[in-house]
Amino acid sequence: MPGIANPDVIDVVGLTPNEDAVLVYVIEEGDWGSQVNADLLNAKMQAYVAFILDGQFEREYAEVSGKPVEFVFRFMNSSPSKGVVQELESLRGGLAGYGIGLRVLGPADPPL
């Protein structure tokens, strides 16, 4: 089952439509109004960063090795709280230092 409740699971890996970058998705269907969710979000983010930096990503997806990576947080049923959005925004700079991008998509946003 995807989502932040399973921090050790990489939810979805795909490519951009023109196949020039790798999209690593977090798919969340739950409610985003609590601190518990922010803590779960941090655990999921740490797992995703480790997945990339520890080399597991390149071992499992060798065919896309060398392409830029972008984490995509897709909120399916409700928009994240201001606190969660702020948390994600604060992580953006740290991820950029590793060459990892970040997108946040809400329920009304079209798929990539």
N, C-alpha and C. Protein backbone atom coordinates (compact mmCIF):
# COMPACT_ATOMS: atom_id res chain seq x y z
N MET A 1 0.85 -1.18 0.00
CA MET A 1 0.00 0.00 0.00
C MET A 1 0.89 1.24 0.00
N PRO A 2 0.67 2.15 -0.95
CA PRO A 2 1.50 3.35 -1.01
C PRO A 2 1.12 4.36 0.07
N GLY A 3 1.95 5.36 0.20
CA GLY A 3 1.66 6.47 1.10
C GLY A 3 2.67 6.58 2.22
N ILE A 4 2.47 7.60 3.03
CA ILE A 4 3.44 7.88 4.07
C ILE A 4 3.38 6.90 5.23
N ALA A 5 2.29 6.15 5.36
CA ALA A 5 2.20 5.17 6.44
C ALA A 5 3.19 4.02 6.23
N ASN A 6 3.72 3.89 5.03
CA ASN A 6 4.70 2.86 4.70
C ASN A 6 6.00 3.52 4.24
N PRO A 7 6.80 4.02 5.18
CA PRO A 7 7.98 4.78 4.78
C PRO A 7 9.04 3.97 4.05
N ASP A 8 9.03 2.65 4.20
CA ASP A 8 10.05 1.84 3.55
C ASP A 8 9.67 1.40 2.14
N VAL A 9 8.51 1.84 1.67
CA VAL A 9 8.03 1.47 0.34
C VAL A 9 8.16 2.67 -0.59
N ILE A 10 8.80 2.47 -1.74
CA ILE A 10 8.84 3.50 -2.78
C ILE A 10 7.55 3.33 -3.57
N ASP A 11 6.71 4.35 -3.58
CA ASP A 11 5.35 4.21 -4.11
C ASP A 11 5.33 3.98 -5.61
N VAL A 12 5.89 4.90 -6.38
CA VAL A 12 5.88 4.79 -7.84
C VAL A 12 7.13 5.47 -8.39
N VAL A 13 7.73 4.84 -9.39
CA VAL A 13 8.85 5.44 -10.12
C VAL A 13 8.45 5.49 -11.58
N GLY A 14 8.62 6.65 -12.20
CA GLY A 14 8.27 6.80 -13.61
C GLY A 14 9.16 7.84 -14.27
N LEU A 15 8.87 8.11 -15.50
CA LEU A 15 9.60 9.11 -16.26
C LEU A 15 8.69 10.27 -16.63
N THR A 16 9.28 11.43 -16.86
CA THR A 16 8.52 12.55 -17.41
C THR A 16 8.06 12.16 -18.81
N PRO A 17 7.05 12.84 -19.36
CA PRO A 17 6.56 12.48 -20.69
C PRO A 17 7.65 12.46 -21.77
N ASN A 18 8.62 13.34 -21.68
CA ASN A 18 9.69 13.33 -22.68
C ASN A 18 10.89 12.48 -22.25
N GLU A 19 10.74 11.78 -21.13
CA GLU A 19 11.73 10.81 -20.62
C GLU A 19 13.09 11.41 -20.31
N ASP A 20 13.11 12.71 -19.94
CA ASP A 20 14.39 13.33 -19.62
C ASP A 20 14.67 13.40 -18.12
N ALA A 21 13.70 12.99 -17.29
CA ALA A 21 13.90 12.99 -15.84
C ALA A 21 13.08 11.85 -15.22
N VAL A 22 13.53 11.42 -14.05
CA VAL A 22 12.86 10.36 -13.30
C VAL A 22 11.99 11.00 -12.22
N LEU A 23 10.75 10.53 -12.13
CA LEU A 23 9.81 11.01 -11.12
C LEU A 23 9.63 9.89 -10.09
N VAL A 24 9.91 10.21 -8.83
CA VAL A 24 9.74 9.26 -7.73
C VAL A 24 8.60 9.80 -6.88
N TYR A 25 7.45 9.11 -6.96
CA TYR A 25 6.21 9.61 -6.35
C TYR A 25 6.00 9.11 -4.93
N VAL A 26 5.42 10.00 -4.12
CA VAL A 26 4.75 9.63 -2.88
C VAL A 26 3.27 9.88 -3.16
N ILE A 27 2.47 8.83 -3.08
CA ILE A 27 1.03 8.93 -3.32
C ILE A 27 0.33 8.85 -1.98
N GLU A 28 -0.39 9.91 -1.62
CA GLU A 28 -1.06 9.93 -0.32
C GLU A 28 -2.54 10.18 -0.49
N GLU A 29 -3.34 9.30 0.09
CA GLU A 29 -4.79 9.43 0.02
C GLU A 29 -5.41 9.88 1.33
N GLY A 30 -4.62 9.98 2.38
CA GLY A 30 -5.15 10.30 3.71
C GLY A 30 -5.35 11.78 3.95
N ASP A 31 -5.77 12.09 5.16
CA ASP A 31 -5.99 13.47 5.62
C ASP A 31 -4.66 14.06 6.05
N TRP A 32 -4.47 15.35 5.74
CA TRP A 32 -3.18 15.98 6.02
C TRP A 32 -3.26 17.07 7.06
N GLY A 33 -4.08 16.91 8.07
CA GLY A 33 -4.24 17.97 9.03
C GLY A 33 -3.50 17.82 10.33
N SER A 34 -2.69 16.79 10.53
CA SER A 34 -2.12 16.56 11.86
C SER A 34 -0.60 16.52 11.85
N GLN A 35 -0.03 16.72 13.02
CA GLN A 35 1.41 16.62 13.20
C GLN A 35 1.89 15.20 12.94
N VAL A 36 1.05 14.23 13.27
CA VAL A 36 1.43 12.84 13.02
C VAL A 36 1.78 12.66 11.55
N ASN A 37 0.98 13.27 10.69
CA ASN A 37 1.25 13.15 9.27
C ASN A 37 2.57 13.82 8.88
N ALA A 38 2.88 14.94 9.50
CA ALA A 38 4.15 15.61 9.22
C ALA A 38 5.32 14.72 9.65
N ASP A 39 5.18 14.02 10.77
CA ASP A 39 6.23 13.10 11.21
C ASP A 39 6.37 11.93 10.24
N LEU A 40 5.24 11.39 9.79
CA LEU A 40 5.27 10.30 8.81
C LEU A 40 5.89 10.78 7.50
N LEU A 41 5.57 12.00 7.12
CA LEU A 41 6.12 12.58 5.90
C LEU A 41 7.64 12.65 5.99
N ASN A 42 8.16 13.07 7.12
CA ASN A 42 9.62 13.14 7.30
C ASN A 42 10.25 11.76 7.19
N ALA A 43 9.61 10.75 7.76
CA ALA A 43 10.14 9.38 7.68
C ALA A 43 10.16 8.90 6.23
N LYS A 44 9.10 9.21 5.49
CA LYS A 44 9.02 8.81 4.08
C LYS A 44 10.11 9.52 3.27
N MET A 45 10.28 10.81 3.54
CA MET A 45 11.28 11.60 2.82
C MET A 45 12.68 11.04 3.09
N GLN A 46 12.98 10.70 4.32
CA GLN A 46 14.29 10.15 4.65
C GLN A 46 14.53 8.83 3.92
N ALA A 47 13.49 8.01 3.82
CA ALA A 47 13.62 6.74 3.10
C ALA A 47 13.87 6.98 1.61
N TYR A 48 13.19 7.96 1.03
CA TYR A 48 13.37 8.25 -0.39
C TYR A 48 14.78 8.79 -0.66
N VAL A 49 15.26 9.67 0.19
CA VAL A 49 16.62 10.22 0.01
C VAL A 49 17.64 9.08 0.13
N ALA A 50 17.46 8.21 1.10
CA ALA A 50 18.37 7.08 1.25
C ALA A 50 18.32 6.17 0.03
N PHE A 51 17.14 5.96 -0.53
CA PHE A 51 16.96 5.14 -1.73
C PHE A 51 17.82 5.67 -2.88
N ILE A 52 17.87 6.99 -3.00
CA ILE A 52 18.67 7.61 -4.07
C ILE A 52 20.16 7.60 -3.71
N LEU A 53 20.50 8.10 -2.54
CA LEU A 53 21.90 8.33 -2.18
C LEU A 53 22.67 7.04 -1.88
N ASP A 54 21.98 6.00 -1.41
CA ASP A 54 22.67 4.75 -1.07
C ASP A 54 22.91 3.86 -2.28
N GLY A 55 22.45 4.28 -3.45
CA GLY A 55 22.70 3.52 -4.66
C GLY A 55 21.65 2.49 -5.01
N GLN A 56 20.66 2.29 -4.14
CA GLN A 56 19.62 1.31 -4.43
C GLN A 56 18.85 1.70 -5.69
N PHE A 57 18.60 2.98 -5.86
CA PHE A 57 17.88 3.47 -7.03
C PHE A 57 18.59 3.04 -8.31
N GLU A 58 19.90 3.28 -8.39
CA GLU A 58 20.66 2.93 -9.60
C GLU A 58 20.73 1.43 -9.82
N ARG A 59 20.75 0.65 -8.73
CA ARG A 59 20.77 -0.81 -8.89
C ARG A 59 19.43 -1.31 -9.45
N GLU A 60 18.33 -0.75 -8.98
CA GLU A 60 17.01 -1.22 -9.40
C GLU A 60 16.56 -0.61 -10.73
N TYR A 61 17.06 0.57 -11.06
CA TYR A 61 16.62 1.27 -12.26
C TYR A 61 17.83 1.73 -13.08
N ALA A 62 18.70 0.80 -13.40
CA ALA A 62 19.93 1.12 -14.11
C ALA A 62 19.67 1.81 -15.44
N GLU A 63 18.53 1.52 -16.06
CA GLU A 63 18.23 2.09 -17.37
C GLU A 63 18.02 3.60 -17.34
N VAL A 64 17.80 4.17 -16.16
CA VAL A 64 17.61 5.62 -16.06
C VAL A 64 18.74 6.29 -15.28
N SER A 65 19.79 5.55 -15.05
CA SER A 65 20.93 6.09 -14.32
C SER A 65 21.46 7.35 -15.01
N GLY A 66 21.74 8.35 -14.23
CA GLY A 66 22.28 9.60 -14.76
C GLY A 66 21.23 10.65 -15.07
N LYS A 67 19.95 10.26 -15.12
CA LYS A 67 18.90 11.25 -15.37
C LYS A 67 18.60 11.99 -14.07
N PRO A 68 18.20 13.26 -14.18
CA PRO A 68 17.81 13.99 -12.97
C PRO A 68 16.61 13.32 -12.29
N VAL A 69 16.56 13.46 -10.98
CA VAL A 69 15.49 12.85 -10.18
C VAL A 69 14.66 13.95 -9.54
N GLU A 70 13.35 13.73 -9.52
CA GLU A 70 12.43 14.67 -8.88
C GLU A 70 11.45 13.88 -8.02
N PHE A 71 11.33 14.27 -6.76
CA PHE A 71 10.31 13.67 -5.89
C PHE A 71 9.01 14.40 -6.15
N VAL A 72 7.93 13.64 -6.30
CA VAL A 72 6.61 14.21 -6.53
C VAL A 72 5.70 13.75 -5.41
N PHE A 73 5.21 14.70 -4.62
CA PHE A 73 4.25 14.39 -3.57
C PHE A 73 2.86 14.65 -4.12
N ARG A 74 2.11 13.58 -4.29
CA ARG A 74 0.78 13.65 -4.89
C ARG A 74 -0.26 13.39 -3.80
N PHE A 75 -1.01 14.44 -3.46
CA PHE A 75 -2.07 14.35 -2.47
C PHE A 75 -3.38 14.12 -3.18
N MET A 76 -3.97 12.95 -3.02
CA MET A 76 -5.11 12.54 -3.84
C MET A 76 -6.45 13.08 -3.36
N ASN A 77 -6.70 13.05 -2.05
CA ASN A 77 -8.05 13.34 -1.55
C ASN A 77 -8.20 14.65 -0.81
N SER A 78 -7.12 15.17 -0.30
CA SER A 78 -7.19 16.45 0.40
C SER A 78 -5.86 17.16 0.24
N SER A 79 -5.92 18.46 0.29
CA SER A 79 -4.69 19.25 0.21
C SER A 79 -3.96 19.19 1.54
N PRO A 80 -2.64 19.26 1.50
CA PRO A 80 -1.88 19.24 2.75
C PRO A 80 -2.09 20.53 3.54
N SER A 81 -1.92 20.42 4.85
CA SER A 81 -2.03 21.60 5.70
C SER A 81 -0.88 22.56 5.40
N LYS A 82 -1.01 23.79 5.89
CA LYS A 82 0.06 24.77 5.70
C LYS A 82 1.37 24.26 6.29
N GLY A 83 1.28 23.59 7.44
CA GLY A 83 2.49 23.07 8.08
C GLY A 83 3.20 22.05 7.22
N VAL A 84 2.45 21.17 6.57
CA VAL A 84 3.05 20.15 5.71
C VAL A 84 3.67 20.82 4.48
N VAL A 85 2.96 21.79 3.91
CA VAL A 85 3.50 22.50 2.75
C VAL A 85 4.80 23.22 3.14
N GLN A 86 4.81 23.86 4.30
CA GLN A 86 6.02 24.54 4.77
C GLN A 86 7.15 23.54 4.98
N GLU A 87 6.82 22.38 5.53
CA GLU A 87 7.83 21.34 5.74
C GLU A 87 8.44 20.90 4.41
N LEU A 88 7.59 20.68 3.43
CA LEU A 88 8.09 20.28 2.11
C LEU A 88 8.94 21.39 1.48
N GLU A 89 8.49 22.62 1.62
CA GLU A 89 9.25 23.74 1.06
C GLU A 89 10.61 23.86 1.74
N SER A 90 10.67 23.59 3.04
CA SER A 90 11.95 23.68 3.74
C SER A 90 12.90 22.57 3.30
N LEU A 91 12.35 21.45 2.84
CA LEU A 91 13.17 20.35 2.36
C LEU A 91 13.69 20.57 0.95
N ARG A 92 13.04 21.43 0.21
CA ARG A 92 13.39 21.66 -1.20
C ARG A 92 14.87 22.03 -1.36
N GLY A 93 15.36 22.95 -0.54
CA GLY A 93 16.75 23.39 -0.64
C GLY A 93 17.73 22.27 -0.34
N GLY A 94 17.45 21.49 0.68
CA GLY A 94 18.32 20.37 1.01
C GLY A 94 18.37 19.34 -0.10
N LEU A 95 17.23 19.07 -0.70
CA LEU A 95 17.18 18.12 -1.80
C LEU A 95 17.94 18.64 -3.01
N ALA A 96 17.82 19.94 -3.26
CA ALA A 96 18.51 20.54 -4.40
C ALA A 96 20.02 20.34 -4.28
N GLY A 97 20.53 20.35 -3.06
CA GLY A 97 21.95 20.11 -2.84
C GLY A 97 22.40 18.73 -3.32
N TYR A 98 21.48 17.80 -3.40
CA TYR A 98 21.77 16.46 -3.92
C TYR A 98 21.34 16.31 -5.38
N GLY A 99 20.88 17.39 -5.98
CA GLY A 99 20.41 17.33 -7.36
C GLY A 99 19.03 16.73 -7.52
N ILE A 100 18.25 16.74 -6.43
CA ILE A 100 16.90 16.16 -6.45
C ILE A 100 15.88 17.30 -6.42
N GLY A 101 14.95 17.29 -7.36
CA GLY A 101 13.89 18.28 -7.39
C GLY A 101 12.71 17.85 -6.54
N LEU A 102 11.74 18.75 -6.38
CA LEU A 102 10.55 18.46 -5.57
C LEU A 102 9.34 19.16 -6.17
N ARG A 103 8.25 18.41 -6.34
CA ARG A 103 6.97 18.96 -6.76
C ARG A 103 5.91 18.52 -5.78
N VAL A 104 4.92 19.38 -5.56
CA VAL A 104 3.78 19.05 -4.72
C VAL A 104 2.53 19.22 -5.55
N LEU A 105 1.74 18.15 -5.68
CA LEU A 105 0.52 18.19 -6.46
C LEU A 105 -0.67 17.87 -5.58
N GLY A 106 -1.68 18.71 -5.64
CA GLY A 106 -2.91 18.50 -4.88
C GLY A 106 -3.96 17.76 -5.68
N PRO A 107 -5.13 17.57 -5.08
CA PRO A 107 -6.19 16.82 -5.76
C PRO A 107 -6.66 17.45 -7.07
N ALA A 108 -6.56 18.76 -7.19
CA ALA A 108 -7.06 19.43 -8.41
C ALA A 108 -6.01 19.54 -9.50
N ASP A 109 -4.76 19.20 -9.19
CA ASP A 109 -3.69 19.32 -10.19
C ASP A 109 -3.74 18.16 -11.17
N PRO A 110 -3.47 18.45 -12.45
CA PRO A 110 -3.46 17.37 -13.44
C PRO A 110 -2.26 16.45 -13.22
N PRO A 111 -2.35 15.22 -13.69
CA PRO A 111 -1.19 14.32 -13.56
C PRO A 111 -0.04 14.80 -14.44
N LEU A 112 1.15 14.37 -14.09
CA LEU A 112 2.33 14.73 -14.90
C LEU A 112 2.43 13.84 -16.10
